[in-house]
Amino acid sequence: MQGNELIAIDPEVLGGTPVIRGTRVPVQTLFEYLERDYTLAEFVECFPSVSREMACRILEQSESAMVAVARL
């Protein structure tokens, strides 16, 4: 799954805020929950429209992107 399959940006959805595809949950919310020491399970419980698999894929893509930038 590519990044564009994970994240949607649509001016009609939350004013174009990047959201987890198929939901109205901002991607930033996932990171904010984890930064505030919530577990991934707690995040998914709070946002049942996001599957654990989707959240994990977003985190994996983010990790890959950061590692790629670090290698430049």
Protein backbone atom coordinates (compact mmCIF):
# COMPACT_ATOMS: atom_id res chain seq x y z
CA MET A 1 0.00 0.00 0.00
CA GLN A 2 1.41 3.33 -1.05
CA GLY A 3 1.21 6.54 0.98
CA ASN A 4 -1.52 7.97 -1.23
CA GLU A 5 -3.62 4.87 -0.46
CA LEU A 6 -3.24 5.54 3.27
CA ILE A 7 -3.93 9.26 3.42
CA ALA A 8 -6.56 11.38 1.71
CA ILE A 9 -6.56 15.13 1.20
CA ASP A 10 -9.87 16.53 0.04
CA PRO A 11 -11.00 20.15 0.43
CA GLU A 12 -14.50 18.81 1.14
CA VAL A 13 -13.28 16.75 4.13
CA LEU A 14 -12.14 18.76 7.16
CA GLY A 15 -11.06 21.61 4.89
CA GLY A 16 -8.32 19.56 3.22
CA THR A 17 -6.66 18.32 6.41
CA PRO A 18 -4.83 15.04 5.67
CA VAL A 19 -7.04 12.23 7.01
CA ILE A 20 -6.74 8.48 7.21
CA ARG A 21 -8.34 7.32 3.97
CA GLY A 22 -11.97 6.31 4.31
CA THR A 23 -12.36 8.20 7.58
CA ARG A 24 -12.57 11.74 8.89
CA VAL A 25 -9.73 11.10 11.35
CA PRO A 26 -6.78 13.45 10.83
CA VAL A 27 -3.44 11.67 10.46
CA GLN A 28 -2.01 14.11 12.99
CA THR A 29 -4.42 12.71 15.59
CA LEU A 30 -2.71 9.31 15.43
CA PHE A 31 0.66 10.88 16.21
CA GLU A 32 -0.77 13.12 18.93
CA TYR A 33 -2.30 10.12 20.71
CA LEU A 34 0.98 8.23 20.62
CA GLU A 35 2.92 11.30 21.77
CA ARG A 36 0.56 11.55 24.75
CA ASP A 37 1.35 7.94 25.74
CA TYR A 38 -1.87 6.38 24.52
CA THR A 39 -1.41 2.90 23.10
CA LEU A 40 -2.28 2.00 19.54
CA ALA A 41 -5.11 -0.13 20.92
CA GLU A 42 -6.51 2.89 22.76
CA PHE A 43 -6.33 4.99 19.60
CA VAL A 44 -8.20 2.37 17.59
CA GLU A 45 -10.77 2.06 20.38
CA CYS A 46 -11.36 5.83 20.30
CA PHE A 47 -11.53 5.89 16.48
CA PRO A 48 -13.23 2.64 15.41
CA SER A 49 -13.32 3.77 11.77
CA VAL A 50 -9.52 3.26 11.72
CA SER A 51 -8.34 -0.32 11.68
CA ARG A 52 -5.25 -1.36 13.59
CA GLU A 53 -3.74 -2.50 10.29
CA MET A 54 -4.26 0.92 8.71
CA ALA A 55 -2.72 2.72 11.70
CA CYS A 56 0.27 0.36 11.65
CA ARG A 57 0.79 0.93 7.93
CA ILE A 58 0.77 4.69 8.42
CA LEU A 59 3.37 4.36 11.18
CA GLU A 60 5.50 2.04 9.02
CA GLN A 61 5.35 4.47 6.08
CA SER A 62 6.33 7.32 8.39
CA GLU A 63 9.27 5.35 9.72
CA SER A 64 10.42 4.50 6.19
CA ALA A 65 10.18 8.14 5.14
CA MET A 66 12.22 9.31 8.12
CA VAL A 67 14.92 6.70 7.53
CA ALA A 68 15.10 7.63 3.86
CA VAL A 69 15.57 11.33 4.72
CA ALA A 70 18.22 10.46 7.31
CA ARG A 71 20.22 8.62 4.65
CA LEU A 72 20.40 11.69 2.37
